C-alpha atoms as a PDB file:
ATOM      1  CA  MET A   1     -25.685  -7.241  45.135  1.00  0.00           C
ATOM      2  CA  ALA A   2     -28.934  -5.542  42.734  1.00  0.00           C
ATOM      3  CA  ARG A   3     -29.706  -2.301  43.986  1.00  0.00           C
ATOM      4  CA  GLY A   4     -32.873  -3.751  44.942  1.00  0.00           C
ATOM      5  CA  ASN A   5     -31.969  -6.686  47.588  1.00  0.00           C
ATOM      6  CA  THR A   6     -29.411  -4.130  48.908  1.00  0.00           C
ATOM      7  CA  ARG A   7     -32.717  -1.374  49.291  1.00  0.00           C
ATOM      8  CA  GLN A   8     -34.771  -4.211  51.405  1.00  0.00           C
ATOM      9  CA  ARG A   9     -32.114  -4.985  53.469  1.00  0.00           C
ATOM     10  CA  ILE A  10     -31.325  -2.052  54.228  1.00  0.00           C
ATOM     11  CA  GLN A  11     -35.421  -1.152  55.111  1.00  0.00           C
ATOM     12  CA  ASP A  12     -35.042  -5.028  56.834  1.00  0.00           C
ATOM     13  CA  VAL A  13     -32.773  -3.980  58.943  1.00  0.00           C
ATOM     14  CA  ALA A  14     -34.058  -0.315  59.691  1.00  0.00           C
ATOM     15  CA  LEU A  15     -36.584  -1.928  61.047  1.00  0.00           C
ATOM     16  CA  ALA A  16     -36.503  -4.358  62.802  1.00  0.00           C
ATOM     17  CA  LEU A  17     -33.788  -1.554  64.410  1.00  0.00           C
ATOM     18  CA  PHE A  18     -36.570   0.264  64.107  1.00  0.00           C
ATOM     19  CA  ALA A  19     -38.813  -1.916  66.245  1.00  0.00           C
ATOM     20  CA  GLU A  20     -36.298  -2.769  69.273  1.00  0.00           C
ATOM     21  CA  GLN A  21     -34.962  -0.063  69.751  1.00  0.00           C
ATOM     22  CA  GLY A  22     -36.725   2.849  68.483  1.00  0.00           C
ATOM     23  CA  TYR A  23     -37.288   5.212  66.098  1.00  0.00           C
ATOM     24  CA  GLU A  24     -35.684   8.514  67.106  1.00  0.00           C
ATOM     25  CA  LYS A  25     -32.792   6.272  69.591  1.00  0.00           C
ATOM     26  CA  THR A  26     -31.789   4.385  66.387  1.00  0.00           C
ATOM     27  CA  SER A  27     -29.396   6.210  64.263  1.00  0.00           C
ATOM     28  CA  LEU A  28     -28.317   5.502  60.212  1.00  0.00           C
ATOM     29  CA  ARG A  29     -24.863   4.675  61.108  1.00  0.00           C
ATOM     30  CA  GLU A  30     -25.934   1.551  63.734  1.00  0.00           C
ATOM     31  CA  ILE A  31     -27.806   0.761  60.265  1.00  0.00           C
ATOM     32  CA  ALA A  32     -25.005   1.363  57.897  1.00  0.00           C
ATOM     33  CA  GLU A  33     -22.877  -1.087  61.029  1.00  0.00           C
ATOM     34  CA  HIS A  34     -25.873  -2.851  61.444  1.00  0.00           C
ATOM     35  CA  LEU A  35     -25.416  -4.175  57.003  1.00  0.00           C
ATOM     36  CA  ASP A  36     -21.334  -3.781  57.469  1.00  0.00           C
ATOM     37  CA  VAL A  37     -21.671  -0.758  55.138  1.00  0.00           C
ATOM     38  CA  THR A  38     -19.923   2.303  55.506  1.00  0.00           C
ATOM     39  CA  LYS A  39     -22.025   5.482  55.636  1.00  0.00           C
ATOM     40  CA  ALA A  40     -22.301   6.721  52.450  1.00  0.00           C
ATOM     41  CA  ALA A  41     -22.994   3.252  51.236  1.00  0.00           C
ATOM     42  CA  LEU A  42     -26.006   4.142  53.060  1.00  0.00           C
ATOM     43  CA  TYR A  43     -26.702   7.544  52.342  1.00  0.00           C
ATOM     44  CA  TYR A  44     -26.578   5.799  47.679  1.00  0.00           C
ATOM     45  CA  HIS A  45     -30.491   4.780  48.935  1.00  0.00           C
ATOM     46  CA  PHE A  46     -31.757   6.605  51.779  1.00  0.00           C
ATOM     47  CA  LYS A  47     -30.748   9.986  53.050  1.00  0.00           C
ATOM     48  CA  THR A  48     -32.163   9.981  56.531  1.00  0.00           C
ATOM     49  CA  LYS A  49     -34.994   7.756  58.125  1.00  0.00           C
ATOM     50  CA  GLU A  50     -37.590   9.434  57.259  1.00  0.00           C
ATOM     51  CA  ASP A  51     -36.568   8.396  53.417  1.00  0.00           C
ATOM     52  CA  ILE A  52     -35.597   4.538  55.065  1.00  0.00           C
ATOM     53  CA  ILE A  53     -39.148   4.031  56.790  1.00  0.00           C
ATOM     54  CA  ILE A  54     -41.439   6.229  53.627  1.00  0.00           C
ATOM     55  CA  GLY A  55     -40.332   4.087  51.820  1.00  0.00           C
ATOM     56  CA  ILE A  56     -40.462   0.686  53.478  1.00  0.00           C
ATOM     57  CA  PHE A  57     -44.007   2.489  54.030  1.00  0.00           C
ATOM     58  CA  GLN A  58     -44.898   2.159  50.587  1.00  0.00           C
ATOM     59  CA  ASP A  59     -43.730  -1.404  49.090  1.00  0.00           C
ATOM     60  CA  LEU A  60     -46.129  -3.180  52.820  1.00  0.00           C
ATOM     61  CA  ALA A  61     -48.337  -0.313  51.875  1.00  0.00           C
ATOM     62  CA  ARG A  62     -48.180  -1.764  47.894  1.00  0.00           C
ATOM     63  CA  PRO A  63     -50.267  -4.590  47.856  1.00  0.00           C
ATOM     64  CA  ILE A  64     -53.019  -2.422  49.818  1.00  0.00           C
ATOM     65  CA  ASP A  65     -53.150   0.552  47.451  1.00  0.00           C
ATOM     66  CA  ASP A  66     -53.595  -2.474  44.277  1.00  0.00           C
ATOM     67  CA  LEU A  67     -56.736  -4.346  45.868  1.00  0.00           C
ATOM     68  CA  VAL A  68     -58.057  -0.598  47.084  1.00  0.00           C
ATOM     69  CA  ALA A  69     -58.196  -0.392  42.868  1.00  0.00           C
ATOM     70  CA  TRP A  70     -59.396  -4.476  42.105  1.00  0.00           C
ATOM     71  CA  ALA A  71     -61.822  -2.906  44.412  1.00  0.00           C
ATOM     72  CA  ALA A  72     -63.330  -0.445  42.325  1.00  0.00           C
ATOM     73  CA  GLU A  73     -63.490  -2.323  39.249  1.00  0.00           C
ATOM     74  CA  GLN A  74     -65.700  -5.493  40.922  1.00  0.00           C
ATOM     75  CA  PRO A  75     -68.858  -5.731  41.316  1.00  0.00           C
ATOM     76  CA  ARG A  76     -69.984  -4.750  44.854  1.00  0.00           C
ATOM     77  CA  THR A  77     -71.772  -7.429  45.550  1.00  0.00           C
ATOM     78  CA  LEU A  78     -70.708 -10.010  48.970  1.00  0.00           C
ATOM     79  CA  GLU A  79     -68.662 -11.852  47.813  1.00  0.00           C
ATOM     80  CA  THR A  80     -66.425 -10.150  46.592  1.00  0.00           C
ATOM     81  CA  LYS A  81     -66.332  -8.140  50.224  1.00  0.00           C
ATOM     82  CA  ARG A  82     -65.367 -11.332  51.269  1.00  0.00           C
ATOM     83  CA  GLU A  83     -62.950 -10.898  48.326  1.00  0.00           C
ATOM     84  CA  ILE A  84     -61.338  -7.797  49.523  1.00  0.00           C
ATOM     85  CA  LEU A  85     -61.328  -8.965  53.529  1.00  0.00           C
ATOM     86  CA  ARG A  86     -59.977 -11.541  51.990  1.00  0.00           C
ATOM     87  CA  ARG A  87     -56.566 -10.050  50.033  1.00  0.00           C
ATOM     88  CA  TYR A  88     -56.527  -7.431  52.358  1.00  0.00           C
ATOM     89  CA  GLN A  89     -55.873 -10.278  55.314  1.00  0.00           C
ATOM     90  CA  ARG A  90     -53.259 -11.012  52.666  1.00  0.00           C
ATOM     91  CA  ALA A  91     -51.745  -7.567  52.497  1.00  0.00           C
ATOM     92  CA  LEU A  92     -51.463  -6.830  56.953  1.00  0.00           C
ATOM     93  CA  LEU A  93     -49.308  -9.930  56.980  1.00  0.00           C
ATOM     94  CA  ALA A  94     -47.452  -9.155  54.873  1.00  0.00           C
ATOM     95  CA  ALA A  95     -46.364  -5.739  56.383  1.00  0.00           C
ATOM     96  CA  ALA A  96     -47.317  -7.182  60.434  1.00  0.00           C
ATOM     97  CA  PRO A  97     -43.749  -5.799  61.147  1.00  0.00           C
ATOM     98  CA  LEU A  98     -44.392  -2.431  60.166  1.00  0.00           C
ATOM     99  CA  PHE A  99     -47.472  -2.105  61.686  1.00  0.00           C
ATOM    100  CA  ARG A 100     -45.410  -2.962  64.654  1.00  0.00           C
ATOM    101  CA  PHE A 101     -42.862  -0.305  64.085  1.00  0.00           C
ATOM    102  CA  MET A 102     -46.553   2.099  64.048  1.00  0.00           C
ATOM    103  CA  HIS A 103     -47.762   0.813  66.942  1.00  0.00           C
ATOM    104  CA  GLU A 104     -44.438   1.121  69.253  1.00  0.00           C
ATOM    105  CA  ASN A 105     -43.844   4.952  67.853  1.00  0.00           C
ATOM    106  CA  GLN A 106     -47.028   6.088  67.245  1.00  0.00           C
ATOM    107  CA  ALA A 107     -45.601   9.098  68.107  1.00  0.00           C
ATOM    108  CA  THR A 108     -43.603   9.062  64.964  1.00  0.00           C
ATOM    109  CA  VAL A 109     -45.564   8.043  62.529  1.00  0.00           C
ATOM    110  CA  ARG A 110     -47.772  11.088  63.545  1.00  0.00           C
ATOM    111  CA  ASP A 111     -45.028  13.627  62.998  1.00  0.00           C
ATOM    112  CA  LEU A 112     -43.961  11.301  59.342  1.00  0.00           C
ATOM    113  CA  SER A 113     -46.163  11.429  55.985  1.00  0.00           C
ATOM    114  CA  ILE A 114     -47.060   7.755  56.075  1.00  0.00           C
ATOM    115  CA  GLY A 115     -50.098   7.942  59.042  1.00  0.00           C
ATOM    116  CA  LEU A 116     -51.864  10.293  56.644  1.00  0.00           C
ATOM    117  CA  THR A 117     -51.304   8.145  53.838  1.00  0.00           C
ATOM    118  CA  PHE A 118     -52.558   5.021  55.441  1.00  0.00           C
ATOM    119  CA  LYS A 119     -56.196   6.294  56.888  1.00  0.00           C
ATOM    120  CA  GLU A 120     -56.735   7.019  53.760  1.00  0.00           C
ATOM    121  CA  ARG A 121     -56.608   3.895  52.503  1.00  0.00           C
ATOM    122  CA  PHE A 122     -58.658   2.303  55.292  1.00  0.00           C
ATOM    123  CA  ILE A 123     -61.172   5.087  54.366  1.00  0.00           C
ATOM    124  CA  ALA A 124     -60.364   3.794  50.502  1.00  0.00           C
ATOM    125  CA  LEU A 125     -61.438  -0.057  52.053  1.00  0.00           C
ATOM    126  CA  ASN A 126     -63.780   0.815  53.616  1.00  0.00           C
ATOM    127  CA  GLU A 127     -66.219   2.461  51.214  1.00  0.00           C
ATOM    128  CA  PHE A 128     -65.995  -0.915  48.944  1.00  0.00           C
ATOM    129  CA  ILE A 129     -67.689  -3.651  51.635  1.00  0.00           C
ATOM    130  CA  GLN A 130     -70.463  -0.899  53.425  1.00  0.00           C
ATOM    131  CA  GLU A 131     -73.416   1.427  51.150  1.00  0.00           C
ATOM    132  CA  PRO A 132     -74.364   4.308  52.009  1.00  0.00           C
ATOM    133  CA  ASP A 133     -77.750   3.296  52.577  1.00  0.00           C
ATOM    134  CA  ASP A 134     -76.811   0.387  54.788  1.00  0.00           C
ATOM    135  CA  PRO A 135     -78.657   0.843  57.974  1.00  0.00           C
ATOM    136  CA  MET A 136     -75.762   1.486  60.784  1.00  0.00           C
ATOM    137  CA  LYS A 137     -75.239  -1.506  62.764  1.00  0.00           C
ATOM    138  CA  ASP A 138     -74.679  -2.968  59.286  1.00  0.00           C
ATOM    139  CA  LYS A 139     -72.425  -0.065  59.096  1.00  0.00           C
ATOM    140  CA  VAL A 140     -70.915  -1.281  62.214  1.00  0.00           C
ATOM    141  CA  ARG A 141     -70.388  -4.870  61.078  1.00  0.00           C
ATOM    142  CA  ALA A 142     -68.721  -4.572  57.544  1.00  0.00           C
ATOM    143  CA  VAL A 143     -66.432  -1.554  59.973  1.00  0.00           C
ATOM    144  CA  SER A 144     -65.874  -4.684  63.219  1.00  0.00           C
ATOM    145  CA  ALA A 145     -64.976  -6.937  59.716  1.00  0.00           C
ATOM    146  CA  ILE A 146     -61.737  -4.530  59.286  1.00  0.00           C
ATOM    147  CA  PHE A 147     -60.836  -3.768  62.750  1.00  0.00           C
ATOM    148  CA  ALA A 148     -61.472  -7.644  63.598  1.00  0.00           C
ATOM    149  CA  LEU A 149     -58.636  -8.257  60.833  1.00  0.00           C
ATOM    150  CA  HIS A 150     -56.552  -5.556  62.425  1.00  0.00           C
ATOM    151  CA  ALA A 151     -57.020  -6.811  66.332  1.00  0.00           C
ATOM    152  CA  GLY A 152     -56.774 -10.495  64.878  1.00  0.00           C
ATOM    153  CA  THR A 153     -53.619  -9.714  63.130  1.00  0.00           C
ATOM    154  CA  PHE A 154     -51.698  -8.344  66.254  1.00  0.00           C
ATOM    155  CA  PHE A 155     -53.745  -8.608  69.222  1.00  0.00           C
ATOM    156  CA  MET A 156     -54.102 -12.901  68.822  1.00  0.00           C
ATOM    157  CA  GLN A 157     -50.092 -13.672  68.754  1.00  0.00           C
ATOM    158  CA  ASN A 158     -50.543 -13.589  72.831  1.00  0.00           C
ATOM    159  CA  VAL A 159     -53.494 -16.296  72.650  1.00  0.00           C
ATOM    160  CA  GLU A 160     -51.970 -19.699  72.392  1.00  0.00           C
ATOM    161  CA  GLY A 161     -52.538 -21.767  69.586  1.00  0.00           C
ATOM    162  CA  ASP A 162     -51.559 -21.960  65.512  1.00  0.00           C
ATOM    163  CA  PRO A 163     -50.378 -19.060  64.019  1.00  0.00           C
ATOM    164  CA  GLU A 164     -52.253 -20.835  60.402  1.00  0.00           C
ATOM    165  CA  GLU A 165     -55.831 -22.004  62.950  1.00  0.00           C
ATOM    166  CA  LYS A 166     -55.261 -18.672  64.869  1.00  0.00           C
ATOM    167  CA  GLN A 167     -55.288 -16.953  61.898  1.00  0.00           C
ATOM    168  CA  GLU A 168     -58.421 -18.963  60.197  1.00  0.00           C
ATOM    169  CA  ALA A 169     -60.585 -18.140  63.182  1.00  0.00           C
ATOM    170  CA  VAL A 170     -59.868 -14.473  63.050  1.00  0.00           C
ATOM    171  CA  LEU A 171     -61.162 -14.531  59.067  1.00  0.00           C
ATOM    172  CA  GLU A 172     -63.688 -16.243  59.564  1.00  0.00           C
ATOM    173  CA  VAL A 173     -65.520 -13.423  62.636  1.00  0.00           C
ATOM    174  CA  ALA A 174     -64.446 -11.580  59.733  1.00  0.00           C
ATOM    175  CA  LEU A 175     -66.643 -12.895  56.386  1.00  0.00           C
ATOM    176  CA  ASP A 176     -69.344 -13.761  59.267  1.00  0.00           C
ATOM    177  CA  LEU A 177     -69.676  -9.978  60.137  1.00  0.00           C
ATOM    178  CA  ILE A 178     -69.043  -8.539  56.676  1.00  0.00           C
ATOM    179  CA  GLY A 179     -72.212 -11.595  55.544  1.00  0.00           C
ATOM    180  CA  GLN A 180     -74.184 -10.405  58.556  1.00  0.00           C
ATOM    181  CA  ALA A 181     -74.316  -7.010  57.089  1.00  0.00           C
ATOM    182  CA  HIS A 182     -74.580  -7.472  53.895  1.00  0.00           C
ATOM    183  CA  ALA A 183     -78.159  -9.547  54.510  1.00  0.00           C
ATOM    184  CA  GLY A 184     -79.207  -7.014  56.484  1.00  0.00           C
ATOM    185  CA  ARG A 185     -79.445  -4.399  52.652  1.00  0.00           C
END
Protein backbone atom coordinates (compact mmCIF):
# COMPACT_ATOMS: atom_id res chain seq x y z
CA MET A 1 0.00 0.00 0.00
CA ALA A 2 1.31 3.47 -0.87
CA ARG A 3 2.64 5.59 1.97
CA GLY A 4 -0.12 8.19 1.58
CA ASN A 5 -2.80 5.51 1.84
CA THR A 6 -1.20 3.96 4.92
CA ARG A 7 -0.93 7.35 6.55
CA GLN A 8 -4.60 8.01 5.82
CA ARG A 9 -5.64 4.60 7.20
CA ILE A 10 -3.69 5.26 10.40
CA GLN A 11 -5.36 8.66 10.80
CA ASP A 12 -8.84 7.26 10.11
CA VAL A 13 -8.48 4.42 12.62
CA ALA A 14 -6.84 6.66 15.24
CA LEU A 15 -9.55 9.30 14.94
CA ALA A 16 -12.28 6.69 15.27
CA LEU A 17 -10.60 5.25 18.38
CA PHE A 18 -9.97 8.70 19.86
CA ALA A 19 -13.63 9.61 19.38
CA GLU A 20 -14.85 6.28 20.75
CA GLN A 21 -12.51 5.78 23.72
CA GLY A 22 -11.00 9.21 24.24
CA TYR A 23 -7.57 10.44 23.25
CA GLU A 24 -5.94 9.65 26.60
CA LYS A 25 -7.32 6.10 26.76
CA THR A 26 -6.15 5.14 23.26
CA SER A 27 -2.62 3.82 22.89
CA LEU A 28 -0.41 3.55 19.83
CA ARG A 29 -0.41 -0.20 20.41
CA GLU A 30 -4.23 -0.28 20.06
CA ILE A 31 -4.07 1.74 16.88
CA ALA A 32 -1.47 -0.65 15.46
CA GLU A 33 -3.59 -3.67 16.47
CA HIS A 34 -6.69 -2.25 14.77
CA LEU A 35 -4.63 -1.74 11.62
CA ASP A 36 -3.05 -5.19 11.93
CA VAL A 37 0.44 -3.70 11.72
CA THR A 38 3.39 -3.63 14.09
CA LYS A 39 4.09 -0.65 16.32
CA ALA A 40 7.32 -0.19 14.34
CA ALA A 41 5.28 0.16 11.13
CA LEU A 42 3.09 2.75 12.84
CA TYR A 43 6.19 4.63 14.10
CA TYR A 44 7.43 4.88 10.51
CA HIS A 45 4.56 7.28 9.84
CA PHE A 46 3.86 8.80 13.28
CA LYS A 47 6.03 8.85 16.39
CA THR A 48 3.28 9.89 18.83
CA LYS A 49 -0.49 10.17 19.16
CA GLU A 50 -0.04 13.94 19.03
CA ASP A 51 1.71 13.57 15.66
CA ILE A 52 -1.30 11.63 14.40
CA ILE A 53 -3.86 14.17 15.57
CA ILE A 54 -1.78 17.09 14.25
CA GLY A 55 -1.57 15.33 10.87
CA ILE A 56 -5.34 14.77 10.87
CA PHE A 57 -5.93 18.39 11.77
CA GLN A 58 -3.60 19.67 9.06
CA ASP A 59 -5.23 17.48 6.40
CA LEU A 60 -8.79 18.37 7.37
CA ALA A 61 -8.03 22.06 7.92
CA ARG A 62 -6.33 22.48 4.54
CA PRO A 63 -9.63 23.34 2.77
CA ILE A 64 -10.23 26.07 5.37
CA ASP A 65 -6.72 27.43 4.78
CA ASP A 66 -7.39 27.35 1.04
CA LEU A 67 -10.67 29.18 1.63
CA VAL A 68 -8.96 31.91 3.68
CA ALA A 69 -6.36 32.35 0.91
CA TRP A 70 -9.09 32.46 -1.76
CA ALA A 71 -11.17 34.96 0.24
CA ALA A 72 -8.18 37.29 0.60
CA GLU A 73 -8.07 37.63 -3.19
CA GLN A 74 -11.78 38.30 -3.69
CA PRO A 75 -13.75 41.54 -3.75
CA ARG A 76 -15.70 42.14 -0.55
CA THR A 77 -19.11 41.71 -2.15
CA LEU A 78 -22.23 40.01 -0.86
CA GLU A 79 -21.77 37.20 -3.39
CA THR A 80 -18.19 36.63 -2.19
CA LYS A 81 -19.40 36.46 1.40
CA ARG A 82 -22.08 33.96 0.41
CA GLU A 83 -19.54 31.86 -1.44
CA ILE A 84 -17.26 31.93 1.62
CA LEU A 85 -20.13 30.51 3.69
CA ARG A 86 -20.93 27.83 1.07
CA ARG A 87 -17.31 26.71 0.91
CA TYR A 88 -16.94 26.85 4.67
CA GLN A 89 -19.94 24.58 5.12
CA ARG A 90 -18.39 22.02 2.74
CA ALA A 91 -15.11 22.19 4.68
CA LEU A 92 -16.95 21.74 7.99
CA LEU A 93 -18.84 18.72 6.69
CA ALA A 94 -15.60 17.13 5.48
CA ALA A 95 -13.93 17.80 8.84
CA ALA A 96 -16.86 16.58 10.97
CA PRO A 97 -14.92 13.65 12.51
CA LEU A 98 -12.19 16.02 13.67
CA PHE A 99 -14.67 18.44 15.21
CA ARG A 100 -16.40 15.55 16.98
CA PHE A 101 -13.00 14.55 18.39
CA MET A 102 -12.30 18.15 19.46
CA HIS A 103 -15.67 18.43 21.17
CA GLU A 104 -15.32 15.11 23.02
CA ASN A 105 -11.69 15.71 24.02
CA GLN A 106 -11.69 19.41 24.88
CA ALA A 107 -9.15 19.18 27.68
CA THR A 108 -6.70 17.33 25.46
CA VAL A 109 -7.23 19.72 22.55
CA ARG A 110 -6.36 22.66 24.80
CA ASP A 111 -3.00 21.03 25.49
CA LEU A 112 -2.28 20.26 21.82
CA SER A 113 -1.02 22.84 19.36
CA ILE A 114 -4.14 22.51 17.16
CA GLY A 115 -6.67 24.42 19.27
CA LEU A 116 -5.25 27.89 18.82
CA THR A 117 -4.60 27.49 15.11
CA PHE A 118 -8.24 26.58 14.55
CA LYS A 119 -9.31 29.71 16.41
CA GLU A 120 -6.94 31.75 14.24
CA ARG A 121 -8.53 30.30 11.08
CA PHE A 122 -11.99 31.18 12.34
CA ILE A 123 -10.93 34.76 13.14
CA ALA A 124 -9.30 35.17 9.71
CA LEU A 125 -12.40 33.87 7.95
CA ASN A 126 -14.64 36.13 10.01
CA GLU A 127 -12.68 39.16 8.84
CA PHE A 128 -13.73 38.46 5.24
CA ILE A 129 -17.46 38.40 5.94
CA GLN A 130 -17.74 41.59 7.97
CA GLU A 131 -16.45 45.10 7.59
CA PRO A 132 -14.67 47.06 10.33
CA ASP A 133 -17.16 49.91 10.04
CA ASP A 134 -20.26 47.69 10.13
CA PRO A 135 -22.76 48.47 12.88
CA MET A 136 -22.43 46.07 15.81
CA LYS A 137 -25.70 44.28 15.01
CA ASP A 138 -24.37 43.49 11.51
CA LYS A 139 -21.08 42.22 12.94
CA VAL A 140 -23.13 39.94 15.20
CA ARG A 141 -25.14 38.76 12.19
CA ALA A 142 -21.95 37.96 10.27
CA VAL A 143 -20.43 36.01 13.17
CA SER A 144 -23.79 34.30 13.72
CA ALA A 145 -23.77 33.14 10.10
CA ILE A 146 -20.55 31.23 10.78
CA PHE A 147 -21.86 29.89 14.08
CA ALA A 148 -25.06 28.79 12.33
CA LEU A 149 -22.90 26.64 10.06
CA HIS A 150 -21.07 25.18 13.05
CA ALA A 151 -24.23 24.52 15.02
CA GLY A 152 -26.03 23.17 12.01
CA THR A 153 -23.22 20.86 11.08
CA PHE A 154 -22.86 19.33 14.51
CA PHE A 155 -26.02 19.84 16.53
CA MET A 156 -28.58 19.22 13.81
CA GLN A 157 -27.52 15.56 13.87
CA ASN A 158 -29.90 15.20 16.81
CA VAL A 159 -32.85 16.69 14.91
CA GLU A 160 -35.13 14.38 12.95
CA GLY A 161 -35.04 14.80 9.20
CA ASP A 162 -33.16 14.24 6.00
CA PRO A 163 -29.46 15.12 6.50
CA GLU A 164 -29.21 16.89 3.16
CA GLU A 165 -32.37 18.90 3.83
CA LYS A 166 -31.02 19.91 7.24
CA GLN A 167 -27.74 21.12 5.74
CA GLU A 168 -29.58 23.08 3.04
CA ALA A 169 -31.69 24.74 5.75
CA VAL A 170 -28.60 25.57 7.80
CA LEU A 171 -26.91 27.15 4.79
CA GLU A 172 -30.05 29.12 3.97
CA VAL A 173 -30.13 30.56 7.50
CA ALA A 174 -26.43 31.48 7.30
CA LEU A 175 -26.93 33.10 3.90
CA ASP A 176 -29.94 35.04 5.24
CA LEU A 177 -27.86 36.33 8.14
CA ILE A 178 -25.01 37.48 5.91
CA GLY A 179 -27.53 39.07 3.53
CA GLN A 180 -29.05 41.02 6.40
CA ALA A 181 -25.61 42.05 7.63
CA HIS A 182 -24.58 43.23 4.18
CA ALA A 183 -27.87 45.10 3.64
CA GLY A 184 -27.09 47.23 6.68
CA ARG A 185 -24.17 48.79 4.87
